[in-house]
Amino acid sequence: MNRNLGATSLRLKRRSDDPMKTYDALPQPLRRWLSEACRPWSPASAKRIWNRAHAKGLSIEETLSALTLAEMNTLSRDRFNIESRVKS
């Protein structure tokens, strides 16, 4: 059973914290971005990218762009793995 994660070749990770409590504590722009993301994200990993971008002094828009770039990089790794399975 894939539990609403869809078909992916990316490794799944177990979480020990309460993801809903962590999600509720996120800033509103980050929660909005997560609700529109292509794949499910853990609130903790999204918050890490958010914090790193803000530590660099990026604006909210630039921070959301950094999240989109991270998502595109992750999706490109997933697509590569799926394509390599098809070619095999």
PDB file of N, CA and C in Angstrom:
ATOM      1  N   MET A   1       0.842  -1.177   0.000  1.00  0.00           N
ATOM      2  CA  MET A   1       0.000   0.000   0.000  1.00  0.00           C
ATOM      3  C   MET A   1       0.888   1.242   0.000  1.00  0.00           C
ATOM      4  N   ASN A   2       0.569   2.231  -0.839  1.00  0.00           N
ATOM      5  CA  ASN A   2       1.417   3.411  -0.945  1.00  0.00           C
ATOM      6  C   ASN A   2       0.957   4.581  -0.077  1.00  0.00           C
ATOM      7  N   ARG A   3      -0.146   4.460   0.615  1.00  0.00           N
ATOM      8  CA  ARG A   3      -0.628   5.448   1.584  1.00  0.00           C
ATOM      9  C   ARG A   3      -0.610   6.874   1.050  1.00  0.00           C
ATOM     10  N   ASN A   4      -1.193   7.087  -0.104  1.00  0.00           N
ATOM     11  CA  ASN A   4      -1.371   8.412  -0.675  1.00  0.00           C
ATOM     12  C   ASN A   4      -0.061   9.067  -1.103  1.00  0.00           C
ATOM     13  N   LEU A   5       0.991   8.314  -1.270  1.00  0.00           N
ATOM     14  CA  LEU A   5       2.258   8.883  -1.711  1.00  0.00           C
ATOM     15  C   LEU A   5       2.448   8.740  -3.214  1.00  0.00           C
ATOM     16  N   GLY A   6       1.624   7.942  -3.863  1.00  0.00           N
ATOM     17  CA  GLY A   6       1.772   7.743  -5.291  1.00  0.00           C
ATOM     18  C   GLY A   6       2.942   6.834  -5.608  1.00  0.00           C
ATOM     19  N   ALA A   7       3.142   6.585  -6.877  1.00  0.00           N
ATOM     20  CA  ALA A   7       4.255   5.743  -7.311  1.00  0.00           C
ATOM     21  C   ALA A   7       5.515   6.587  -7.348  1.00  0.00           C
ATOM     22  N   THR A   8       6.532   6.154  -6.649  1.00  0.00           N
ATOM     23  CA  THR A   8       7.794   6.878  -6.619  1.00  0.00           C
ATOM     24  C   THR A   8       8.936   5.900  -6.424  1.00  0.00           C
ATOM     25  N   SER A   9      10.083   6.278  -6.959  1.00  0.00           N
ATOM     26  CA  SER A   9      11.275   5.470  -6.756  1.00  0.00           C
ATOM     27  C   SER A   9      12.133   6.030  -5.628  1.00  0.00           C
ATOM     28  N   LEU A  10      11.696   7.125  -5.029  1.00  0.00           N
ATOM     29  CA  LEU A  10      12.455   7.726  -3.942  1.00  0.00           C
ATOM     30  C   LEU A  10      12.258   6.932  -2.656  1.00  0.00           C
ATOM     31  N   ARG A  11      13.302   6.889  -1.858  1.00  0.00           N
ATOM     32  CA  ARG A  11      13.264   6.166  -0.595  1.00  0.00           C
ATOM     33  C   ARG A  11      12.328   6.871   0.380  1.00  0.00           C
ATOM     34  N   LEU A  12      11.494   6.102   1.044  1.00  0.00           N
ATOM     35  CA  LEU A  12      10.586   6.641   2.052  1.00  0.00           C
ATOM     36  C   LEU A  12      11.266   6.614   3.406  1.00  0.00           C
ATOM     37  N   LYS A  13      10.910   7.553   4.266  1.00  0.00           N
ATOM     38  CA  LYS A  13      11.522   7.644   5.589  1.00  0.00           C
ATOM     39  C   LYS A  13      10.444   7.572   6.651  1.00  0.00           C
ATOM     40  N   ARG A  14      10.763   6.945   7.752  1.00  0.00           N
ATOM     41  CA  ARG A  14       9.843   6.896   8.892  1.00  0.00           C
ATOM     42  C   ARG A  14      10.035   8.150   9.733  1.00  0.00           C
ATOM     43  N   ARG A  15       8.962   8.649  10.294  1.00  0.00           N
ATOM     44  CA  ARG A  15       9.000   9.851  11.119  1.00  0.00           C
ATOM     45  C   ARG A  15       8.644   9.490  12.554  1.00  0.00           C
ATOM     46  N   SER A  16       9.352  10.100  13.503  1.00  0.00           N
ATOM     47  CA  SER A  16       9.056   9.819  14.908  1.00  0.00           C
ATOM     48  C   SER A  16       8.233  10.942  15.548  1.00  0.00           C
ATOM     49  N   ASP A  17       8.171  12.100  14.885  1.00  0.00           N
ATOM     50  CA  ASP A  17       7.414  13.218  15.451  1.00  0.00           C
ATOM     51  C   ASP A  17       5.996  13.243  14.881  1.00  0.00           C
ATOM     52  N   ASP A  18       5.190  14.138  15.377  1.00  0.00           N
ATOM     53  CA  ASP A  18       3.823  14.295  14.900  1.00  0.00           C
ATOM     54  C   ASP A  18       3.835  15.275  13.730  1.00  0.00           C
ATOM     55  N   PRO A  19       3.690  14.791  12.488  1.00  0.00           N
ATOM     56  CA  PRO A  19       3.806  15.692  11.340  1.00  0.00           C
ATOM     57  C   PRO A  19       2.728  16.776  11.301  1.00  0.00           C
ATOM     58  N   MET A  20       1.536  16.509  11.819  1.00  0.00           N
ATOM     59  CA  MET A  20       0.487  17.531  11.806  1.00  0.00           C
ATOM     60  C   MET A  20       0.803  18.676  12.770  1.00  0.00           C
ATOM     61  N   LYS A  21       1.336  18.342  13.927  1.00  0.00           N
ATOM     62  CA  LYS A  21       1.718  19.385  14.887  1.00  0.00           C
ATOM     63  C   LYS A  21       2.849  20.228  14.303  1.00  0.00           C
ATOM     64  N   THR A  22       3.810  19.570  13.664  1.00  0.00           N
ATOM     65  CA  THR A  22       4.911  20.292  13.031  1.00  0.00           C
ATOM     66  C   THR A  22       4.391  21.165  11.897  1.00  0.00           C
ATOM     67  N   TYR A  23       3.465  20.633  11.095  1.00  0.00           N
ATOM     68  CA  TYR A  23       2.872  21.381   9.981  1.00  0.00           C
ATOM     69  C   TYR A  23       2.141  22.622  10.491  1.00  0.00           C
ATOM     70  N   ASP A  24       1.365  22.468  11.545  1.00  0.00           N
ATOM     71  CA  ASP A  24       0.597  23.594  12.090  1.00  0.00           C
ATOM     72  C   ASP A  24       1.495  24.720  12.595  1.00  0.00           C
ATOM     73  N   ALA A  25       2.727  24.386  12.972  1.00  0.00           N
ATOM     74  CA  ALA A  25       3.649  25.393  13.491  1.00  0.00           C
ATOM     75  C   ALA A  25       4.410  26.128  12.383  1.00  0.00           C
ATOM     76  N   LEU A  26       4.238  25.712  11.130  1.00  0.00           N
ATOM     77  CA  LEU A  26       4.950  26.345  10.022  1.00  0.00           C
ATOM     78  C   LEU A  26       4.361  27.717   9.696  1.00  0.00           C
ATOM     79  N   PRO A  27       5.180  28.595   9.120  1.00  0.00           N
ATOM     80  CA  PRO A  27       4.654  29.898   8.678  1.00  0.00           C
ATOM     81  C   PRO A  27       3.611  29.702   7.566  1.00  0.00           C
ATOM     82  N   GLN A  28       2.648  30.600   7.500  1.00  0.00           N
ATOM     83  CA  GLN A  28       1.558  30.497   6.524  1.00  0.00           C
ATOM     84  C   GLN A  28       2.043  30.366   5.080  1.00  0.00           C
ATOM     85  N   PRO A  29       3.026  31.159   4.614  1.00  0.00           N
ATOM     86  CA  PRO A  29       3.461  31.003   3.215  1.00  0.00           C
ATOM     87  C   PRO A  29       4.038  29.612   2.933  1.00  0.00           C
ATOM     88  N   LEU A  30       4.721  29.047   3.902  1.00  0.00           N
ATOM     89  CA  LEU A  30       5.283  27.705   3.730  1.00  0.00           C
ATOM     90  C   LEU A  30       4.170  26.664   3.704  1.00  0.00           C
ATOM     91  N   ARG A  31       3.177  26.799   4.567  1.00  0.00           N
ATOM     92  CA  ARG A  31       2.043  25.856   4.539  1.00  0.00           C
ATOM     93  C   ARG A  31       1.310  25.930   3.212  1.00  0.00           C
ATOM     94  N   ARG A  32       1.127  27.141   2.685  1.00  0.00           N
ATOM     95  CA  ARG A  32       0.464  27.307   1.393  1.00  0.00           C
ATOM     96  C   ARG A  32       1.282  26.621   0.292  1.00  0.00           C
ATOM     97  N   TRP A  33       2.616  26.816   0.320  1.00  0.00           N
ATOM     98  CA  TRP A  33       3.474  26.194  -0.683  1.00  0.00           C
ATOM     99  C   TRP A  33       3.377  24.672  -0.583  1.00  0.00           C
ATOM    100  N   LEU A  34       3.413  24.140   0.625  1.00  0.00           N
ATOM    101  CA  LEU A  34       3.321  22.686   0.809  1.00  0.00           C
ATOM    102  C   LEU A  34       1.996  22.137   0.293  1.00  0.00           C
ATOM    103  N   SER A  35       0.925  22.893   0.448  1.00  0.00           N
ATOM    104  CA  SER A  35      -0.380  22.404  -0.009  1.00  0.00           C
ATOM    105  C   SER A  35      -0.452  22.314  -1.529  1.00  0.00           C
ATOM    106  N   GLU A  36       0.420  23.029  -2.224  1.00  0.00           N
ATOM    107  CA  GLU A  36       0.432  23.010  -3.679  1.00  0.00           C
ATOM    108  C   GLU A  36       1.609  22.239  -4.261  1.00  0.00           C
ATOM    109  N   ALA A  37       2.425  21.636  -3.419  1.00  0.00           N
ATOM    110  CA  ALA A  37       3.608  20.909  -3.889  1.00  0.00           C
ATOM    111  C   ALA A  37       3.197  19.691  -4.722  1.00  0.00           C
ATOM    112  N   CYS A  38       4.094  19.301  -5.619  1.00  0.00           N
ATOM    113  CA  CYS A  38       3.816  18.159  -6.505  1.00  0.00           C
ATOM    114  C   CYS A  38       3.805  16.833  -5.757  1.00  0.00           C
ATOM    115  N   ARG A  39       4.657  16.689  -4.774  1.00  0.00           N
ATOM    116  CA  ARG A  39       4.766  15.458  -3.995  1.00  0.00           C
ATOM    117  C   ARG A  39       4.654  15.803  -2.515  1.00  0.00           C
ATOM    118  N   PRO A  40       4.293  14.833  -1.693  1.00  0.00           N
ATOM    119  CA  PRO A  40       4.227  15.101  -0.248  1.00  0.00           C
ATOM    120  C   PRO A  40       5.617  15.397   0.331  1.00  0.00           C
ATOM    121  N   TRP A  41       5.684  16.393   1.161  1.00  0.00           N
ATOM    122  CA  TRP A  41       6.917  16.770   1.854  1.00  0.00           C
ATOM    123  C   TRP A  41       6.705  16.559   3.348  1.00  0.00           C
ATOM    124  N   SER A  42       7.785  16.253   4.051  1.00  0.00           N
ATOM    125  CA  SER A  42       7.676  16.272   5.502  1.00  0.00           C
ATOM    126  C   SER A  42       7.787  17.731   5.936  1.00  0.00           C
ATOM    127  N   PRO A  43       7.016  18.132   6.926  1.00  0.00           N
ATOM    128  CA  PRO A  43       7.117  19.515   7.405  1.00  0.00           C
ATOM    129  C   PRO A  43       8.531  19.849   7.890  1.00  0.00           C
ATOM    130  N   ALA A  44       9.214  18.869   8.463  1.00  0.00           N
ATOM    131  CA  ALA A  44      10.556  19.122   8.992  1.00  0.00           C
ATOM    132  C   ALA A  44      11.546  19.445   7.875  1.00  0.00           C
ATOM    133  N   SER A  45      11.489  18.719   6.758  1.00  0.00           N
ATOM    134  CA  SER A  45      12.441  18.988   5.674  1.00  0.00           C
ATOM    135  C   SER A  45      12.126  20.328   5.009  1.00  0.00           C
ATOM    136  N   ALA A  46      10.855  20.656   4.849  1.00  0.00           N
ATOM    137  CA  ALA A  46      10.496  21.954   4.282  1.00  0.00           C
ATOM    138  C   ALA A  46      10.944  23.082   5.208  1.00  0.00           C
ATOM    139  N   LYS A  47      10.785  22.886   6.507  1.00  0.00           N
ATOM    140  CA  LYS A  47      11.198  23.899   7.486  1.00  0.00           C
ATOM    141  C   LYS A  47      12.716  24.096   7.473  1.00  0.00           C
ATOM    142  N   ARG A  48      13.473  23.019   7.263  1.00  0.00           N
ATOM    143  CA  ARG A  48      14.934  23.142   7.183  1.00  0.00           C
ATOM    144  C   ARG A  48      15.334  24.039   6.019  1.00  0.00           C
ATOM    145  N   ILE A  49      14.736  23.833   4.852  1.00  0.00           N
ATOM    146  CA  ILE A  49      15.048  24.662   3.688  1.00  0.00           C
ATOM    147  C   ILE A  49      14.610  26.102   3.951  1.00  0.00           C
ATOM    148  N   TRP A  50      13.429  26.274   4.539  1.00  0.00           N
ATOM    149  CA  TRP A  50      12.909  27.606   4.885  1.00  0.00           C
ATOM    150  C   TRP A  50      13.885  28.336   5.803  1.00  0.00           C
ATOM    151  N   ASN A  51      14.328  27.667   6.864  1.00  0.00           N
ATOM    152  CA  ASN A  51      15.248  28.287   7.829  1.00  0.00           C
ATOM    153  C   ASN A  51      16.588  28.624   7.187  1.00  0.00           C
ATOM    154  N   ARG A  52      17.103  27.732   6.367  1.00  0.00           N
ATOM    155  CA  ARG A  52      18.381  27.965   5.696  1.00  0.00           C
ATOM    156  C   ARG A  52      18.289  29.190   4.781  1.00  0.00           C
ATOM    157  N   ALA A  53      17.193  29.303   4.045  1.00  0.00           N
ATOM    158  CA  ALA A  53      17.024  30.442   3.137  1.00  0.00           C
ATOM    159  C   ALA A  53      16.890  31.746   3.919  1.00  0.00           C
ATOM    160  N   HIS A  54      16.148  31.725   5.008  1.00  0.00           N
ATOM    161  CA  HIS A  54      15.997  32.939   5.817  1.00  0.00           C
ATOM    162  C   HIS A  54      17.306  33.321   6.497  1.00  0.00           C
ATOM    163  N   ALA A  55      18.120  32.343   6.860  1.00  0.00           N
ATOM    164  CA  ALA A  55      19.428  32.640   7.454  1.00  0.00           C
ATOM    165  C   ALA A  55      20.337  33.345   6.447  1.00  0.00           C
ATOM    166  N   LYS A  56      20.126  33.068   5.168  1.00  0.00           N
ATOM    167  CA  LYS A  56      20.895  33.743   4.115  1.00  0.00           C
ATOM    168  C   LYS A  56      20.333  35.121   3.810  1.00  0.00           C
ATOM    169  N   GLY A  57      19.207  35.484   4.421  1.00  0.00           N
ATOM    170  CA  GLY A  57      18.607  36.792   4.216  1.00  0.00           C
ATOM    171  C   GLY A  57      17.691  36.874   3.008  1.00  0.00           C
ATOM    172  N   LEU A  58      17.218  35.732   2.515  1.00  0.00           N
ATOM    173  CA  LEU A  58      16.336  35.727   1.356  1.00  0.00           C
ATOM    174  C   LEU A  58      14.933  36.192   1.746  1.00  0.00           C
ATOM    175  N   SER A  59      14.251  36.804   0.808  1.00  0.00           N
ATOM    176  CA  SER A  59      12.868  37.221   1.024  1.00  0.00           C
ATOM    177  C   SER A  59      11.960  35.988   0.995  1.00  0.00           C
ATOM    178  N   ILE A  60      10.697  36.182   1.321  1.00  0.00           N
ATOM    179  CA  ILE A  60       9.742  35.068   1.294  1.00  0.00           C
ATOM    180  C   ILE A  60       9.622  34.516  -0.120  1.00  0.00           C
ATOM    181  N   GLU A  61       9.550  35.388  -1.118  1.00  0.00           N
ATOM    182  CA  GLU A  61       9.434  34.931  -2.508  1.00  0.00           C
ATOM    183  C   GLU A  61      10.664  34.138  -2.924  1.00  0.00           C
ATOM    184  N   GLU A  62      11.846  34.615  -2.541  1.00  0.00           N
ATOM    185  CA  GLU A  62      13.087  33.899  -2.876  1.00  0.00           C
ATOM    186  C   GLU A  62      13.156  32.564  -2.136  1.00  0.00           C
ATOM    187  N   THR A  63      12.654  32.542  -0.922  1.00  0.00           N
ATOM    188  CA  THR A  63      12.631  31.304  -0.146  1.00  0.00           C
ATOM    189  C   THR A  63      11.699  30.290  -0.795  1.00  0.00           C
ATOM    190  N   LEU A  64      10.539  30.736  -1.244  1.00  0.00           N
ATOM    191  CA  LEU A  64       9.612  29.833  -1.928  1.00  0.00           C
ATOM    192  C   LEU A  64      10.208  29.344  -3.240  1.00  0.00           C
ATOM    193  N   SER A  65      10.969  30.178  -3.915  1.00  0.00           N
ATOM    194  CA  SER A  65      11.668  29.751  -5.134  1.00  0.00           C
ATOM    195  C   SER A  65      12.713  28.692  -4.817  1.00  0.00           C
ATOM    196  N   ALA A  66      13.395  28.849  -3.678  1.00  0.00           N
ATOM    197  CA  ALA A  66      14.379  27.843  -3.265  1.00  0.00           C
ATOM    198  C   ALA A  66      13.690  26.504  -2.985  1.00  0.00           C
ATOM    199  N   LEU A  67      12.514  26.543  -2.393  1.00  0.00           N
ATOM    200  CA  LEU A  67      11.751  25.314  -2.161  1.00  0.00           C
ATOM    201  C   LEU A  67      11.328  24.676  -3.480  1.00  0.00           C
ATOM    202  N   THR A  68      10.900  25.483  -4.417  1.00  0.00           N
ATOM    203  CA  THR A  68      10.508  24.963  -5.730  1.00  0.00           C
ATOM    204  C   THR A  68      11.706  24.337  -6.428  1.00  0.00           C
ATOM    205  N   LEU A  69      12.862  24.959  -6.325  1.00  0.00           N
ATOM    206  CA  LEU A  69      14.075  24.395  -6.915  1.00  0.00           C
ATOM    207  C   LEU A  69      14.430  23.062  -6.262  1.00  0.00           C
ATOM    208  N   ALA A  70      14.331  22.988  -4.948  1.00  0.00           N
ATOM    209  CA  ALA A  70      14.601  21.732  -4.246  1.00  0.00           C
ATOM    210  C   ALA A  70      13.627  20.647  -4.692  1.00  0.00           C
ATOM    211  N   GLU A  71      12.364  21.024  -4.881  1.00  0.00           N
ATOM    212  CA  GLU A  71      11.371  20.057  -5.334  1.00  0.00           C
ATOM    213  C   GLU A  71      11.682  19.584  -6.749  1.00  0.00           C
ATOM    214  N   MET A  72      12.055  20.497  -7.625  1.00  0.00           N
ATOM    215  CA  MET A  72      12.397  20.119  -8.995  1.00  0.00           C
ATOM    216  C   MET A  72      13.600  19.180  -9.015  1.00  0.00           C
ATOM    217  N   ASN A  73      14.590  19.452  -8.162  1.00  0.00           N
ATOM    218  CA  ASN A  73      15.753  18.567  -8.081  1.00  0.00           C
ATOM    219  C   ASN A  73      15.352  17.177  -7.616  1.00  0.00           C
ATOM    220  N   THR A  74      14.479  17.092  -6.632  1.00  0.00           N
ATOM    221  CA  THR A  74      14.009  15.804  -6.138  1.00  0.00           C
ATOM    222  C   THR A  74      13.217  15.070  -7.206  1.00  0.00           C
ATOM    223  N   LEU A  75      12.343  15.771  -7.892  1.00  0.00           N
ATOM    224  CA  LEU A  75      11.553  15.143  -8.947  1.00  0.00           C
ATOM    225  C   LEU A  75      12.434  14.671 -10.097  1.00  0.00           C
ATOM    226  N   SER A  76      13.499  15.396 -10.394  1.00  0.00           N
ATOM    227  CA  SER A  76      14.387  14.964 -11.474  1.00  0.00           C
ATOM    228  C   SER A  76      15.110  13.674 -11.093  1.00  0.00           C
ATOM    229  N   ARG A  77      15.450  13.512  -9.825  1.00  0.00           N
ATOM    230  CA  ARG A  77      16.067  12.254  -9.376  1.00  0.00           C
ATOM    231  C   ARG A  77      15.070  11.115  -9.493  1.00  0.00           C
ATOM    232  N   ASP A  78      13.826  11.375  -9.147  1.00  0.00           N
ATOM    233  CA  ASP A  78      12.792  10.350  -9.224  1.00  0.00           C
ATOM    234  C   ASP A  78      12.566   9.943 -10.671  1.00  0.00           C
ATOM    235  N   ARG A  79      12.464  10.888 -11.572  1.00  0.00           N
ATOM    236  CA  ARG A  79      12.237  10.595 -12.976  1.00  0.00           C
ATOM    237  C   ARG A  79      13.392   9.774 -13.536  1.00  0.00           C
ATOM    238  N   PHE A  80      14.614  10.097 -13.162  1.00  0.00           N
ATOM    239  CA  PHE A  80      15.779   9.348 -13.632  1.00  0.00           C
ATOM    240  C   PHE A  80      15.678   7.893 -13.203  1.00  0.00           C
ATOM    241  N   ASN A  81      15.301   7.666 -11.944  1.00  0.00           N
ATOM    242  CA  ASN A  81      15.177   6.291 -11.459  1.00  0.00           C
ATOM    243  C   ASN A  81      14.080   5.528 -12.182  1.00  0.00           C
ATOM    244  N   ILE A  82      12.972   6.192 -12.455  1.00  0.00           N
ATOM    245  CA  ILE A  82      11.867   5.522 -13.161  1.00  0.00           C
ATOM    246  C   ILE A  82      12.293   5.219 -14.596  1.00  0.00           C
ATOM    247  N   GLU A  83      12.953   6.171 -15.281  1.00  0.00           N
ATOM    248  CA  GLU A  83      13.394   5.945 -16.648  1.00  0.00           C
ATOM    249  C   GLU A  83      14.417   4.811 -16.711  1.00  0.00           C
ATOM    250  N   SER A  84      15.312   4.727 -15.723  1.00  0.00           N
ATOM    251  CA  SER A  84      16.319   3.667 -15.757  1.00  0.00           C
ATOM    252  C   SER A  84      15.673   2.301 -15.543  1.00  0.00           C
ATOM    253  N   ARG A  85      14.582   2.228 -14.783  1.00  0.00           N
ATOM    254  CA  ARG A  85      13.884   0.957 -14.607  1.00  0.00           C
ATOM    255  C   ARG A  85      13.195   0.532 -15.896  1.00  0.00           C
ATOM    256  N   VAL A  86      12.652   1.498 -16.626  1.00  0.00           N
ATOM    257  CA  VAL A  86      11.945   1.190 -17.863  1.00  0.00           C
ATOM    258  C   VAL A  86      12.939   0.676 -18.912  1.00  0.00           C
ATOM    259  N   LYS A  87      14.133   1.258 -18.961  1.00  0.00           N
ATOM    260  CA  LYS A  87      15.136   0.866 -19.950  1.00  0.00           C
ATOM    261  C   LYS A  87      15.716  -0.507 -19.657  1.00  0.00           C
ATOM    262  N   SER A  88      15.670  -0.943 -18.401  1.00  0.00           N
ATOM    263  CA  SER A  88      16.268  -2.236 -18.016  1.00  0.00           C
ATOM    264  C   SER A  88      15.468  -3.391 -18.566  1.00  0.00           C
TER     265      SER A  88
END
